[in-house]
Protein backbone atom coordinates (compact mmCIF):
# COMPACT_ATOMS: atom_id res chain seq x y z
CA MET A 1 23.61 18.12 16.46
CA PRO A 2 21.53 15.74 14.32
CA LEU A 3 21.94 12.01 14.80
CA LEU A 4 24.00 10.21 12.20
CA LEU A 5 22.77 7.07 10.45
CA ALA A 6 25.10 4.98 12.63
CA ASP A 7 23.60 6.47 15.80
CA LYS A 8 20.05 6.01 14.53
CA ILE A 9 20.66 2.34 13.71
CA ARG A 10 22.18 1.62 17.13
CA ALA A 11 19.54 3.57 19.07
CA ARG A 12 16.61 1.96 17.27
CA ARG A 13 18.14 -1.54 17.47
CA GLU A 14 18.64 -1.15 21.22
CA GLU A 15 15.15 0.34 21.63
CA LEU A 16 13.71 -2.78 19.99
CA GLY A 17 15.95 -5.07 22.08
CA LEU A 18 17.64 -6.59 19.03
CA SER A 19 21.17 -7.94 19.02
CA LYS A 20 23.49 -7.00 16.19
CA ALA A 21 23.37 -10.60 14.99
CA SER A 22 19.56 -10.74 14.92
CA LEU A 23 19.32 -7.42 13.06
CA GLY A 24 21.94 -8.67 10.64
CA ARG A 25 19.97 -11.87 9.98
CA ALA A 26 16.82 -9.81 9.37
CA VAL A 27 18.53 -7.82 6.62
CA GLY A 28 20.73 -10.57 5.19
CA VAL A 29 24.09 -9.48 6.56
CA THR A 30 26.31 -10.51 9.45
CA GLY A 31 26.29 -9.04 12.92
CA GLN A 32 29.77 -7.74 12.09
CA ALA A 33 28.32 -5.71 9.21
CA VAL A 34 25.83 -4.16 11.67
CA SER A 35 28.76 -3.38 14.00
CA LEU A 36 30.56 -1.63 11.16
CA TRP A 37 27.46 0.42 10.29
CA GLU A 38 27.01 1.44 13.91
CA ALA A 39 30.67 2.43 14.15
CA GLY A 40 30.34 4.49 10.97
CA ALA A 41 33.09 2.38 9.39
CA ARG A 42 30.89 1.10 6.54
CA GLN A 43 28.11 2.76 4.58
CA VAL A 44 24.68 1.17 4.27
CA SER A 45 23.86 0.66 0.60
CA LEU A 46 20.60 2.00 -0.78
CA GLU A 47 19.61 -1.58 -1.56
CA VAL A 48 19.98 -2.64 2.08
CA LEU A 49 18.48 0.55 3.50
CA ALA A 50 14.91 -0.59 2.79
CA GLN A 51 15.43 -3.93 4.53
CA LEU A 52 17.13 -2.23 7.44
CA ALA A 53 14.30 0.29 7.83
CA SER A 54 11.75 -2.52 7.70
CA ALA A 55 13.59 -4.54 10.36
CA LEU A 56 13.77 -1.43 12.56
CA HIS A 57 10.10 -0.56 11.91
CA VAL A 58 10.86 2.90 10.49
CA GLU A 59 10.74 4.55 7.07
CA PRO A 60 14.03 4.58 5.10
CA HIS A 61 14.19 8.37 5.02
CA ASP A 62 13.81 8.46 8.82
CA LEU A 63 17.23 6.83 9.11
CA LEU A 64 18.91 9.42 6.90
CA SER A 65 19.88 12.93 7.91
CA LYS A 66 19.07 15.87 5.65
CA SER A 67 22.73 16.09 4.64
CA GLN A 68 22.78 12.40 3.69
CA ILE A 69 19.65 12.83 1.58
CA THR A 70 21.16 15.79 -0.27
CA GLN A 71 24.36 13.81 -0.90
CA ILE A 72 22.57 10.92 -2.61
CA ASP A 73 23.71 10.86 -6.20
CA PRO A 74 20.75 11.47 -8.55
CA ALA A 75 22.17 8.82 -10.89
CA ILE A 76 21.87 6.23 -8.11
CA LEU A 77 18.28 7.28 -7.44
CA ALA A 78 17.52 7.16 -11.14
CA LYS A 79 19.02 3.67 -11.38
CA SER A 80 16.81 2.59 -8.49
CA LEU A 81 13.90 4.12 -10.38
CA ALA A 82 14.94 2.17 -13.51
CA SER A 83 15.09 5.36 -15.58
CA PHE A 84 18.16 7.37 -16.42
CA GLU A 85 15.82 9.91 -18.03
CA ALA A 86 14.96 10.90 -14.47
CA VAL A 87 18.49 12.12 -13.61
CA GLU A 88 17.88 15.70 -14.70
CA ALA A 89 14.61 15.94 -12.79
CA LEU A 90 16.18 14.43 -9.67
CA THR A 91 18.94 17.05 -9.53
CA GLU A 92 16.32 19.74 -8.97
CA LEU A 93 14.60 18.06 -6.00
CA THR A 94 14.59 19.59 -2.53
CA ILE A 95 15.56 17.55 0.54
CA GLY A 96 11.91 16.82 1.32
CA GLN A 97 11.22 15.78 -2.26
CA LYS A 98 14.24 13.45 -2.28
CA ALA A 99 12.99 11.88 0.95
CA LYS A 100 9.62 11.24 -0.72
CA VAL A 101 11.33 9.70 -3.76
CA ILE A 102 13.43 7.45 -1.50
CA ALA A 103 10.33 6.35 0.42
CA PHE A 104 8.53 5.61 -2.85
CA ILE A 105 11.44 3.57 -4.23
CA TYR A 106 11.53 1.42 -1.14
CA SER A 107 7.77 1.06 -0.94
CA LYS A 108 8.08 -0.61 -4.34
CA GLY A 109 10.84 -2.95 -3.14
CA GLY A 110 13.53 -0.87 -4.83
CA VAL A 111 12.23 -1.47 -8.34
CA VAL A 112 9.73 0.63 -10.24
CA SER A 113 8.98 0.97 -13.93
CA SER A 114 10.39 3.78 -16.07
CA SER A 115 6.95 5.32 -16.47
CA ASP A 116 6.45 5.27 -12.68
CA ALA A 117 9.87 6.89 -12.27
CA LEU A 118 9.14 9.76 -14.60
CA ALA A 119 5.66 10.29 -13.15
CA LEU A 120 7.10 10.36 -9.63
CA CYS A 121 9.74 12.90 -10.61
CA ARG A 122 7.13 15.13 -12.24
CA LEU A 123 4.90 14.90 -9.15
CA ALA A 124 7.79 15.69 -6.82
CA MET A 125 8.67 18.86 -8.77
């Protein structure tokens, strides 16, 4: 059975020897928020995912399972890409392509131009 995001956060945090509080400080949340993520009681927002991945020294898509990647709403990805024109293109992406788009978004700090968004969607197709 694949590891869930909650399990991946906890395992990587423990592997790095980080407390919940120190991981929380690194991503701008409380240790309680980290506890809730690890318990699966609260979802990690796409905005926080990049900071979390950075603090854990992994890529954002490495924290997500294939099912979580496929469940990401294309409208949310398009908003992150700053282009609602990209919604139609994003609905056609495979799991691997969505993972590449997510990695690209976060490599740009979560904000890319509309022209970058459309170019990325065309390349991913």
